Amino acid sequence: MGNVANPSFYPQISVVDLDADGEDEVVVVLIQGTGSGVHDSKVHVLRTDFIEISVLM
C-alpha cells in the first residue's frame, strides 16, 4: 500500500460493517496519483484480524 506524498491527499480511513455480519471492517482509500484535477485512488478493505478482503472495482 502507498499514498502520494502530497499532504492535500491524506489516506481516508473508515470503520464500518460492510457485510452486515456484526463485525466491522476497516476501509482504507489511498491516492495513487494526481494531476489536472483528477486523482487515481485504490481501496483496501481489512477484517479485524488484518486479512485483506478483495475489492472489485
Protein backbone atom coordinates (compact mmCIF):
# COMPACT_ATOMS: atom_id res chain seq x y z
CA MET A 1 0.00 0.00 0.00
CA GLY A 2 1.16 3.53 -0.70
CA ASN A 3 -0.15 7.07 -0.91
CA VAL A 4 1.12 10.12 -2.78
CA ALA A 5 3.38 12.42 -0.76
CA ASN A 6 1.11 15.46 -1.26
CA PRO A 7 -0.34 16.45 2.16
CA SER A 8 -3.58 17.54 0.43
CA PHE A 9 -4.39 13.85 -0.15
CA TYR A 10 -4.14 12.08 3.19
CA PRO A 11 -5.39 8.47 3.26
CA GLN A 12 -9.06 8.13 4.22
CA ILE A 13 -9.86 5.50 6.86
CA SER A 14 -13.34 4.31 7.89
CA VAL A 15 -14.54 1.54 10.19
CA VAL A 16 -17.88 0.06 9.09
CA ASP A 17 -19.76 -3.24 8.96
CA LEU A 18 -19.86 -3.59 5.18
CA ASP A 19 -21.35 -7.07 5.01
CA ALA A 20 -23.78 -6.87 7.97
CA ASP A 21 -22.12 -9.80 9.75
CA GLY A 22 -21.83 -7.95 13.07
CA GLU A 23 -18.07 -7.35 12.70
CA ASP A 24 -16.54 -4.10 11.49
CA GLU A 25 -14.19 -3.86 8.53
CA VAL A 26 -11.52 -1.18 8.07
CA VAL A 27 -11.73 0.64 4.73
CA VAL A 28 -8.58 2.46 3.60
CA VAL A 29 -8.64 4.69 0.50
CA LEU A 30 -5.20 5.62 -0.84
CA ILE A 31 -4.49 8.16 -3.58
CA GLN A 32 -2.12 6.60 -6.13
CA GLY A 33 -1.67 9.61 -8.40
CA THR A 34 -2.96 13.10 -9.14
CA GLY A 35 -2.95 15.61 -11.93
CA SER A 36 -5.14 18.03 -13.92
CA GLY A 37 -7.95 17.92 -11.37
CA VAL A 38 -8.13 14.11 -11.39
CA HIS A 39 -6.82 11.58 -8.88
CA ASP A 40 -6.43 7.81 -9.04
CA SER A 41 -7.36 6.00 -5.83
CA LYS A 42 -7.20 2.44 -4.56
CA VAL A 43 -9.47 0.90 -1.91
CA HIS A 44 -8.31 -1.69 0.61
CA VAL A 45 -10.73 -3.47 2.98
CA LEU A 46 -9.34 -5.24 6.04
CA ARG A 47 -11.05 -7.54 8.52
CA THR A 48 -10.38 -7.01 12.23
CA ASP A 49 -7.65 -9.70 12.03
CA PHE A 50 -5.96 -7.54 9.30
CA ILE A 51 -6.63 -10.00 6.49
CA GLU A 52 -7.40 -8.04 3.31
CA ILE A 53 -10.73 -8.66 1.56
CA SER A 54 -10.64 -8.48 -2.23
CA VAL A 55 -12.42 -5.45 -3.71
CA LEU A 56 -13.61 -5.48 -7.31
CA MET A 57 -13.82 -2.08 -8.97
